[in-house]
Amino acid sequence: MAGTDFPDDLRAAQTRLHQATSELAALCRSLPWSVEPMPGRPGTEHPHTGVVTGGREASPGWTEDQKQAVKRLRMECTDQSIRVAAHP
């Protein structure tokens, strides 16, 4: 809406929520597919084309630092969401 002024603290919280969500998504994209070490699995070969689909490489799991970074960002996203949703 044109002309609607939102409080600066609400705008700052919303901006930080967007930033934290973006940081969390980028971090999760960079991590191995499994939190715990897991063996890979072969894909399935299509009977007519021979194209192999599915399957995964082995996952080394996440390090403790990676787990803590994800936890920190998730908590920040939750806190900022509450701050925005419950803003008076």
PDB file of N, CA and C in Angstrom:
ATOM      1  N   MET A   1       0.833  -1.167   0.000  1.00  0.00           N
ATOM      2  CA  MET A   1       0.000   0.000   0.000  1.00  0.00           C
ATOM      3  C   MET A   1       0.886   1.240   0.000  1.00  0.00           C
ATOM      4  N   ALA A   2       0.553   2.149  -0.836  1.00  0.00           N
ATOM      5  CA  ALA A   2       1.299   3.401  -0.889  1.00  0.00           C
ATOM      6  C   ALA A   2       0.985   4.225   0.350  1.00  0.00           C
ATOM      7  N   GLY A   3       2.002   4.836   0.898  1.00  0.00           N
ATOM      8  CA  GLY A   3       1.802   5.711   2.026  1.00  0.00           C
ATOM      9  C   GLY A   3       1.780   5.026   3.375  1.00  0.00           C
ATOM     10  N   THR A   4       1.911   3.715   3.425  1.00  0.00           N
ATOM     11  CA  THR A   4       1.918   3.015   4.700  1.00  0.00           C
ATOM     12  C   THR A   4       3.332   3.037   5.260  1.00  0.00           C
ATOM     13  N   ASP A   5       3.472   3.569   6.458  1.00  0.00           N
ATOM     14  CA  ASP A   5       4.775   3.613   7.116  1.00  0.00           C
ATOM     15  C   ASP A   5       4.840   2.505   8.160  1.00  0.00           C
ATOM     16  N   PHE A   6       5.820   1.648   8.006  1.00  0.00           N
ATOM     17  CA  PHE A   6       6.025   0.590   8.981  1.00  0.00           C
ATOM     18  C   PHE A   6       7.135   1.018   9.932  1.00  0.00           C
ATOM     19  N   PRO A   7       7.062   0.611  11.185  1.00  0.00           N
ATOM     20  CA  PRO A   7       8.101   0.981  12.145  1.00  0.00           C
ATOM     21  C   PRO A   7       9.471   0.450  11.693  1.00  0.00           C
ATOM     22  N   ASP A   8      10.506   1.226  12.003  1.00  0.00           N
ATOM     23  CA  ASP A   8      11.858   0.846  11.590  1.00  0.00           C
ATOM     24  C   ASP A   8      12.283  -0.497  12.170  1.00  0.00           C
ATOM     25  N   ASP A   9      11.904  -0.769  13.431  1.00  0.00           N
ATOM     26  CA  ASP A   9      12.310  -2.041  14.030  1.00  0.00           C
ATOM     27  C   ASP A   9      11.628  -3.227  13.348  1.00  0.00           C
ATOM     28  N   LEU A  10      10.399  -3.051  12.895  1.00  0.00           N
ATOM     29  CA  LEU A  10       9.708  -4.114  12.164  1.00  0.00           C
ATOM     30  C   LEU A  10      10.365  -4.344  10.806  1.00  0.00           C
ATOM     31  N   ARG A  11      10.686  -3.272  10.120  1.00  0.00           N
ATOM     32  CA  ARG A  11      11.357  -3.404   8.818  1.00  0.00           C
ATOM     33  C   ARG A  11      12.730  -4.053   8.973  1.00  0.00           C
ATOM     34  N   ALA A  12      13.448  -3.696  10.025  1.00  0.00           N
ATOM     35  CA  ALA A  12      14.769  -4.289  10.273  1.00  0.00           C
ATOM     36  C   ALA A  12      14.645  -5.779  10.580  1.00  0.00           C
ATOM     37  N   ALA A  13      13.642  -6.147  11.365  1.00  0.00           N
ATOM     38  CA  ALA A  13      13.435  -7.561  11.692  1.00  0.00           C
ATOM     39  C   ALA A  13      13.059  -8.354  10.445  1.00  0.00           C
ATOM     40  N   GLN A  14      12.209  -7.800   9.602  1.00  0.00           N
ATOM     41  CA  GLN A  14      11.812  -8.478   8.367  1.00  0.00           C
ATOM     42  C   GLN A  14      13.009  -8.633   7.434  1.00  0.00           C
ATOM     43  N   THR A  15      13.828  -7.605   7.334  1.00  0.00           N
ATOM     44  CA  THR A  15      15.028  -7.680   6.495  1.00  0.00           C
ATOM     45  C   THR A  15      15.982  -8.741   7.018  1.00  0.00           C
ATOM     46  N   ARG A  16      16.185  -8.776   8.337  1.00  0.00           N
ATOM     47  CA  ARG A  16      17.090  -9.780   8.906  1.00  0.00           C
ATOM     48  C   ARG A  16      16.516 -11.180   8.723  1.00  0.00           C
ATOM     49  N   LEU A  17      15.195 -11.324   8.810  1.00  0.00           N
ATOM     50  CA  LEU A  17      14.571 -12.627   8.564  1.00  0.00           C
ATOM     51  C   LEU A  17      14.858 -13.094   7.147  1.00  0.00           C
ATOM     52  N   HIS A  18      14.717 -12.207   6.176  1.00  0.00           N
ATOM     53  CA  HIS A  18      15.017 -12.575   4.788  1.00  0.00           C
ATOM     54  C   HIS A  18      16.487 -12.959   4.631  1.00  0.00           C
ATOM     55  N   GLN A  19      17.375 -12.213   5.262  1.00  0.00           N
ATOM     56  CA  GLN A  19      18.805 -12.507   5.173  1.00  0.00           C
ATOM     57  C   GLN A  19      19.130 -13.858   5.800  1.00  0.00           C
ATOM     58  N   ALA A  20      18.597 -14.112   6.993  1.00  0.00           N
ATOM     59  CA  ALA A  20      18.873 -15.369   7.684  1.00  0.00           C
ATOM     60  C   ALA A  20      18.309 -16.554   6.902  1.00  0.00           C
ATOM     61  N   THR A  21      17.124 -16.396   6.331  1.00  0.00           N
ATOM     62  CA  THR A  21      16.528 -17.460   5.524  1.00  0.00           C
ATOM     63  C   THR A  21      17.383 -17.745   4.304  1.00  0.00           C
ATOM     64  N   SER A  22      17.879 -16.709   3.676  1.00  0.00           N
ATOM     65  CA  SER A  22      18.744 -16.869   2.509  1.00  0.00           C
ATOM     66  C   SER A  22      20.061 -17.544   2.885  1.00  0.00           C
ATOM     67  N   GLU A  23      20.644 -17.136   4.007  1.00  0.00           N
ATOM     68  CA  GLU A  23      21.889 -17.750   4.477  1.00  0.00           C
ATOM     69  C   GLU A  23      21.682 -19.228   4.785  1.00  0.00           C
ATOM     70  N   LEU A  24      20.566 -19.558   5.429  1.00  0.00           N
ATOM     71  CA  LEU A  24      20.273 -20.951   5.763  1.00  0.00           C
ATOM     72  C   LEU A  24      20.093 -21.787   4.502  1.00  0.00           C
ATOM     73  N   ALA A  25      19.368 -21.275   3.534  1.00  0.00           N
ATOM     74  CA  ALA A  25      19.149 -22.010   2.286  1.00  0.00           C
ATOM     75  C   ALA A  25      20.468 -22.243   1.559  1.00  0.00           C
ATOM     76  N   ALA A  26      21.317 -21.225   1.505  1.00  0.00           N
ATOM     77  CA  ALA A  26      22.612 -21.364   0.834  1.00  0.00           C
ATOM     78  C   ALA A  26      23.490 -22.378   1.560  1.00  0.00           C
ATOM     79  N   LEU A  27      23.487 -22.333   2.879  1.00  0.00           N
ATOM     80  CA  LEU A  27      24.282 -23.284   3.653  1.00  0.00           C
ATOM     81  C   LEU A  27      23.795 -24.708   3.415  1.00  0.00           C
ATOM     82  N   CYS A  28      22.488 -24.921   3.473  1.00  0.00           N
ATOM     83  CA  CYS A  28      21.935 -26.269   3.285  1.00  0.00           C
ATOM     84  C   CYS A  28      22.227 -26.809   1.887  1.00  0.00           C
ATOM     85  N   ARG A  29      22.222 -25.944   0.875  1.00  0.00           N
ATOM     86  CA  ARG A  29      22.559 -26.393  -0.479  1.00  0.00           C
ATOM     87  C   ARG A  29      24.010 -26.843  -0.576  1.00  0.00           C
ATOM     88  N   SER A  30      24.873 -26.286   0.262  1.00  0.00           N
ATOM     89  CA  SER A  30      26.296 -26.608   0.184  1.00  0.00           C
ATOM     90  C   SER A  30      26.677 -27.842   1.001  1.00  0.00           C
ATOM     91  N   LEU A  31      25.778 -28.319   1.847  1.00  0.00           N
ATOM     92  CA  LEU A  31      26.093 -29.437   2.738  1.00  0.00           C
ATOM     93  C   LEU A  31      25.837 -30.783   2.063  1.00  0.00           C
ATOM     94  N   PRO A  32      26.488 -31.847   2.579  1.00  0.00           N
ATOM     95  CA  PRO A  32      26.180 -33.192   2.082  1.00  0.00           C
ATOM     96  C   PRO A  32      24.697 -33.509   2.293  1.00  0.00           C
ATOM     97  N   TRP A  33      24.187 -34.453   1.513  1.00  0.00           N
ATOM     98  CA  TRP A  33      22.751 -34.734   1.535  1.00  0.00           C
ATOM     99  C   TRP A  33      22.277 -35.356   2.838  1.00  0.00           C
ATOM    100  N   SER A  34      23.166 -35.981   3.605  1.00  0.00           N
ATOM    101  CA  SER A  34      22.767 -36.621   4.853  1.00  0.00           C
ATOM    102  C   SER A  34      23.522 -36.007   6.026  1.00  0.00           C
ATOM    103  N   VAL A  35      22.823 -35.773   7.117  1.00  0.00           N
ATOM    104  CA  VAL A  35      23.466 -35.233   8.315  1.00  0.00           C
ATOM    105  C   VAL A  35      24.466 -36.246   8.857  1.00  0.00           C
ATOM    106  N   GLU A  36      24.068 -37.496   8.908  1.00  0.00           N
ATOM    107  CA  GLU A  36      24.936 -38.575   9.385  1.00  0.00           C
ATOM    108  C   GLU A  36      25.612 -39.243   8.192  1.00  0.00           C
ATOM    109  N   PRO A  37      26.812 -39.814   8.396  1.00  0.00           N
ATOM    110  CA  PRO A  37      27.460 -40.532   7.290  1.00  0.00           C
ATOM    111  C   PRO A  37      26.558 -41.666   6.787  1.00  0.00           C
ATOM    112  N   MET A  38      26.380 -41.729   5.485  1.00  0.00           N
ATOM    113  CA  MET A  38      25.522 -42.751   4.876  1.00  0.00           C
ATOM    114  C   MET A  38      26.188 -43.263   3.607  1.00  0.00           C
ATOM    115  N   PRO A  39      26.022 -44.551   3.335  1.00  0.00           N
ATOM    116  CA  PRO A  39      26.554 -45.072   2.076  1.00  0.00           C
ATOM    117  C   PRO A  39      25.703 -44.576   0.907  1.00  0.00           C
ATOM    118  N   GLY A  40      26.284 -44.552  -0.247  1.00  0.00           N
ATOM    119  CA  GLY A  40      25.534 -44.173  -1.443  1.00  0.00           C
ATOM    120  C   GLY A  40      24.668 -45.330  -1.908  1.00  0.00           C
ATOM    121  N   ARG A  41      23.944 -45.105  -2.981  1.00  0.00           N
ATOM    122  CA  ARG A  41      23.140 -46.182  -3.570  1.00  0.00           C
ATOM    123  C   ARG A  41      23.152 -46.000  -5.082  1.00  0.00           C
ATOM    124  N   PRO A  42      23.123 -47.096  -5.788  1.00  0.00           N
ATOM    125  CA  PRO A  42      23.180 -46.993  -7.250  1.00  0.00           C
ATOM    126  C   PRO A  42      21.857 -46.479  -7.814  1.00  0.00           C
ATOM    127  N   GLY A  43      21.944 -45.939  -9.001  1.00  0.00           N
ATOM    128  CA  GLY A  43      20.743 -45.488  -9.688  1.00  0.00           C
ATOM    129  C   GLY A  43      20.068 -46.652 -10.391  1.00  0.00           C
ATOM    130  N   THR A  44      18.980 -46.349 -11.063  1.00  0.00           N
ATOM    131  CA  THR A  44      18.230 -47.345 -11.813  1.00  0.00           C
ATOM    132  C   THR A  44      18.431 -47.090 -13.300  1.00  0.00           C
ATOM    133  N   GLU A  45      18.797 -48.133 -14.008  1.00  0.00           N
ATOM    134  CA  GLU A  45      19.010 -47.998 -15.444  1.00  0.00           C
ATOM    135  C   GLU A  45      17.695 -48.215 -16.184  1.00  0.00           C
ATOM    136  N   HIS A  46      17.367 -47.284 -17.049  1.00  0.00           N
ATOM    137  CA  HIS A  46      16.153 -47.408 -17.854  1.00  0.00           C
ATOM    138  C   HIS A  46      16.359 -48.554 -18.842  1.00  0.00           C
ATOM    139  N   PRO A  47      15.388 -49.472 -18.960  1.00  0.00           N
ATOM    140  CA  PRO A  47      15.587 -50.659 -19.792  1.00  0.00           C
ATOM    141  C   PRO A  47      15.726 -50.374 -21.290  1.00  0.00           C
ATOM    142  N   HIS A  48      15.175 -49.276 -21.768  1.00  0.00           N
ATOM    143  CA  HIS A  48      15.224 -49.004 -23.205  1.00  0.00           C
ATOM    144  C   HIS A  48      16.324 -48.021 -23.590  1.00  0.00           C
ATOM    145  N   THR A  49      16.561 -47.035 -22.738  1.00  0.00           N
ATOM    146  CA  THR A  49      17.533 -46.003 -23.103  1.00  0.00           C
ATOM    147  C   THR A  49      18.900 -46.208 -22.465  1.00  0.00           C
ATOM    148  N   GLY A  50      18.935 -46.967 -21.387  1.00  0.00           N
ATOM    149  CA  GLY A  50      20.195 -47.167 -20.681  1.00  0.00           C
ATOM    150  C   GLY A  50      20.587 -45.999 -19.790  1.00  0.00           C
ATOM    151  N   VAL A  51      19.753 -44.967 -19.737  1.00  0.00           N
ATOM    152  CA  VAL A  51      20.041 -43.809 -18.899  1.00  0.00           C
ATOM    153  C   VAL A  51      19.858 -44.200 -17.435  1.00  0.00           C
ATOM    154  N   VAL A  52      20.846 -43.854 -16.622  1.00  0.00           N
ATOM    155  CA  VAL A  52      20.781 -44.151 -15.194  1.00  0.00           C
ATOM    156  C   VAL A  52      20.236 -42.921 -14.468  1.00  0.00           C
ATOM    157  N   THR A  53      19.170 -43.118 -13.713  1.00  0.00           N
ATOM    158  CA  THR A  53      18.573 -42.027 -12.942  1.00  0.00           C
ATOM    159  C   THR A  53      18.528 -42.415 -11.474  1.00  0.00           C
ATOM    160  N   GLY A  54      18.407 -41.411 -10.639  1.00  0.00           N
ATOM    161  CA  GLY A  54      18.363 -41.666  -9.202  1.00  0.00           C
ATOM    162  C   GLY A  54      19.749 -41.986  -8.678  1.00  0.00           C
ATOM    163  N   GLY A  55      19.799 -42.607  -7.559  1.00  0.00           N
ATOM    164  CA  GLY A  55      21.072 -42.939  -6.942  1.00  0.00           C
ATOM    165  C   GLY A  55      21.678 -41.736  -6.247  1.00  0.00           C
ATOM    166  N   ARG A  56      22.596 -42.010  -5.363  1.00  0.00           N
ATOM    167  CA  ARG A  56      23.303 -40.949  -4.627  1.00  0.00           C
ATOM    168  C   ARG A  56      24.713 -41.417  -4.337  1.00  0.00           C
ATOM    169  N   GLU A  57      25.605 -40.448  -4.274  1.00  0.00           N
ATOM    170  CA  GLU A  57      26.954 -40.752  -3.835  1.00  0.00           C
ATOM    171  C   GLU A  57      26.941 -40.888  -2.308  1.00  0.00           C
ATOM    172  N   ALA A  58      27.982 -41.451  -1.752  1.00  0.00           N
ATOM    173  CA  ALA A  58      28.065 -41.589  -0.297  1.00  0.00           C
ATOM    174  C   ALA A  58      28.134 -40.203   0.343  1.00  0.00           C
ATOM    175  N   SER A  59      27.566 -40.089   1.527  1.00  0.00           N
ATOM    176  CA  SER A  59      27.596 -38.821   2.254  1.00  0.00           C
ATOM    177  C   SER A  59      28.536 -38.950   3.447  1.00  0.00           C
ATOM    178  N   PRO A  60      29.488 -38.023   3.571  1.00  0.00           N
ATOM    179  CA  PRO A  60      30.369 -38.060   4.736  1.00  0.00           C
ATOM    180  C   PRO A  60      29.687 -37.563   6.012  1.00  0.00           C
ATOM    181  N   GLY A  61      28.490 -37.004   5.873  1.00  0.00           N
ATOM    182  CA  GLY A  61      27.794 -36.422   7.020  1.00  0.00           C
ATOM    183  C   GLY A  61      28.246 -34.997   7.250  1.00  0.00           C
ATOM    184  N   TRP A  62      27.622 -34.357   8.220  1.00  0.00           N
ATOM    185  CA  TRP A  62      27.950 -32.975   8.541  1.00  0.00           C
ATOM    186  C   TRP A  62      28.942 -32.946   9.689  1.00  0.00           C
ATOM    187  N   THR A  63      29.807 -31.943   9.694  1.00  0.00           N
ATOM    188  CA  THR A  63      30.713 -31.735  10.822  1.00  0.00           C
ATOM    189  C   THR A  63      29.926 -31.073  11.956  1.00  0.00           C
ATOM    190  N   GLU A  64      30.506 -31.079  13.141  1.00  0.00           N
ATOM    191  CA  GLU A  64      29.845 -30.420  14.275  1.00  0.00           C
ATOM    192  C   GLU A  64      29.677 -28.921  14.011  1.00  0.00           C
ATOM    193  N   ASP A  65      30.664 -28.309  13.365  1.00  0.00           N
ATOM    194  CA  ASP A  65      30.553 -26.883  13.036  1.00  0.00           C
ATOM    195  C   ASP A  65      29.386 -26.630  12.083  1.00  0.00           C
ATOM    196  N   GLN A  66      29.206 -27.507  11.108  1.00  0.00           N
ATOM    197  CA  GLN A  66      28.095 -27.362  10.163  1.00  0.00           C
ATOM    198  C   GLN A  66      26.756 -27.538  10.873  1.00  0.00           C
ATOM    199  N   LYS A  67      26.674 -28.518  11.757  1.00  0.00           N
ATOM    200  CA  LYS A  67      25.437 -28.735  12.513  1.00  0.00           C
ATOM    201  C   LYS A  67      25.102 -27.514  13.367  1.00  0.00           C
ATOM    202  N   GLN A  68      26.116 -26.938  14.001  1.00  0.00           N
ATOM    203  CA  GLN A  68      25.894 -25.762  14.841  1.00  0.00           C
ATOM    204  C   GLN A  68      25.481 -24.548  14.012  1.00  0.00           C
ATOM    205  N   ALA A  69      26.073 -24.399  12.825  1.00  0.00           N
ATOM    206  CA  ALA A  69      25.711 -23.275  11.955  1.00  0.00           C
ATOM    207  C   ALA A  69      24.256 -23.380  11.508  1.00  0.00           C
ATOM    208  N   VAL A  70      23.817 -24.584  11.142  1.00  0.00           N
ATOM    209  CA  VAL A  70      22.423 -24.790  10.740  1.00  0.00           C
ATOM    210  C   VAL A  70      21.497 -24.519  11.924  1.00  0.00           C
ATOM    211  N   LYS A  71      21.854 -25.028  13.086  1.00  0.00           N
ATOM    212  CA  LYS A  71      21.030 -24.822  14.278  1.00  0.00           C
ATOM    213  C   LYS A  71      20.911 -23.335  14.607  1.00  0.00           C
ATOM    214  N   ARG A  72      22.038 -22.612  14.541  1.00  0.00           N
ATOM    215  CA  ARG A  72      22.040 -21.180  14.843  1.00  0.00           C
ATOM    216  C   ARG A  72      21.135 -20.417  13.879  1.00  0.00           C
ATOM    217  N   LEU A  73      21.259 -20.724  12.577  1.00  0.00           N
ATOM    218  CA  LEU A  73      20.442 -20.014  11.590  1.00  0.00           C
ATOM    219  C   LEU A  73      18.963 -20.374  11.717  1.00  0.00           C
ATOM    220  N   ARG A  74      18.652 -21.627  12.021  1.00  0.00           N
ATOM    221  CA  ARG A  74      17.245 -22.010  12.220  1.00  0.00           C
ATOM    222  C   ARG A  74      16.651 -21.273  13.414  1.00  0.00           C
ATOM    223  N   MET A  75      17.434 -21.184  14.492  1.00  0.00           N
ATOM    224  CA  MET A  75      16.952 -20.466  15.675  1.00  0.00           C
ATOM    225  C   MET A  75      16.760 -18.982  15.370  1.00  0.00           C
ATOM    226  N   GLU A  76      17.681 -18.414  14.603  1.00  0.00           N
ATOM    227  CA  GLU A  76      17.538 -17.001  14.245  1.00  0.00           C
ATOM    228  C   GLU A  76      16.305 -16.780  13.373  1.00  0.00           C
ATOM    229  N   CYS A  77      16.064 -17.677  12.427  1.00  0.00           N
ATOM    230  CA  CYS A  77      14.867 -17.562  11.583  1.00  0.00           C
ATOM    231  C   CYS A  77      13.598 -17.642  12.430  1.00  0.00           C
ATOM    232  N   THR A  78      13.586 -18.554  13.388  1.00  0.00           N
ATOM    233  CA  THR A  78      12.428 -18.688  14.269  1.00  0.00           C
ATOM    234  C   THR A  78      12.234 -17.427  15.104  1.00  0.00           C
ATOM    235  N   ASP A  79      13.313 -16.938  15.695  1.00  0.00           N
ATOM    236  CA  ASP A  79      13.224 -15.731  16.522  1.00  0.00           C
ATOM    237  C   ASP A  79      12.749 -14.524  15.716  1.00  0.00           C
ATOM    238  N   GLN A  80      13.292 -14.352  14.525  1.00  0.00           N
ATOM    239  CA  GLN A  80      12.891 -13.215  13.693  1.00  0.00           C
ATOM    240  C   GLN A  80      11.445 -13.364  13.218  1.00  0.00           C
ATOM    241  N   SER A  81      11.026 -14.587  12.931  1.00  0.00           N
ATOM    242  CA  SER A  81       9.634 -14.821  12.527  1.00  0.00           C
ATOM    243  C   SER A  81       8.677 -14.426  13.642  1.00  0.00           C
ATOM    244  N   ILE A  82       9.025 -14.802  14.857  1.00  0.00           N
ATOM    245  CA  ILE A  82       8.194 -14.441  16.006  1.00  0.00           C
ATOM    246  C   ILE A  82       8.181 -12.928  16.186  1.00  0.00           C
ATOM    247  N   ARG A  83       9.351 -12.312  16.063  1.00  0.00           N
ATOM    248  CA  ARG A  83       9.447 -10.855  16.221  1.00  0.00           C
ATOM    249  C   ARG A  83       8.562 -10.137  15.200  1.00  0.00           C
ATOM    250  N   VAL A  84       8.574 -10.614  13.959  1.00  0.00           N
ATOM    251  CA  VAL A  84       7.764  -9.976  12.912  1.00  0.00           C
ATOM    252  C   VAL A  84       6.276 -10.250  13.130  1.00  0.00           C
ATOM    253  N   ALA A  85       5.932 -11.504  13.394  1.00  0.00           N
ATOM    254  CA  ALA A  85       4.520 -11.871  13.519  1.00  0.00           C
ATOM    255  C   ALA A  85       3.860 -11.267  14.756  1.00  0.00           C
ATOM    256  N   ALA A  86       4.624 -11.113  15.827  1.00  0.00           N
ATOM    257  CA  ALA A  86       4.049 -10.622  17.078  1.00  0.00           C
ATOM    258  C   ALA A  86       4.289  -9.128  17.290  1.00  0.00           C
ATOM    259  N   HIS A  87       4.776  -8.448  16.263  1.00  0.00           N
ATOM    260  CA  HIS A  87       5.049  -7.010  16.410  1.00  0.00           C
ATOM    261  C   HIS A  87       3.743  -6.269  16.663  1.00  0.00           C
ATOM    262  N   PRO A  88       3.754  -5.393  17.671  1.00  0.00           N
ATOM    263  CA  PRO A  88       2.503  -4.678  17.992  1.00  0.00           C
ATOM    264  C   PRO A  88       2.087  -3.690  16.912  1.00  0.00           C
TER     265      PRO A  88
END
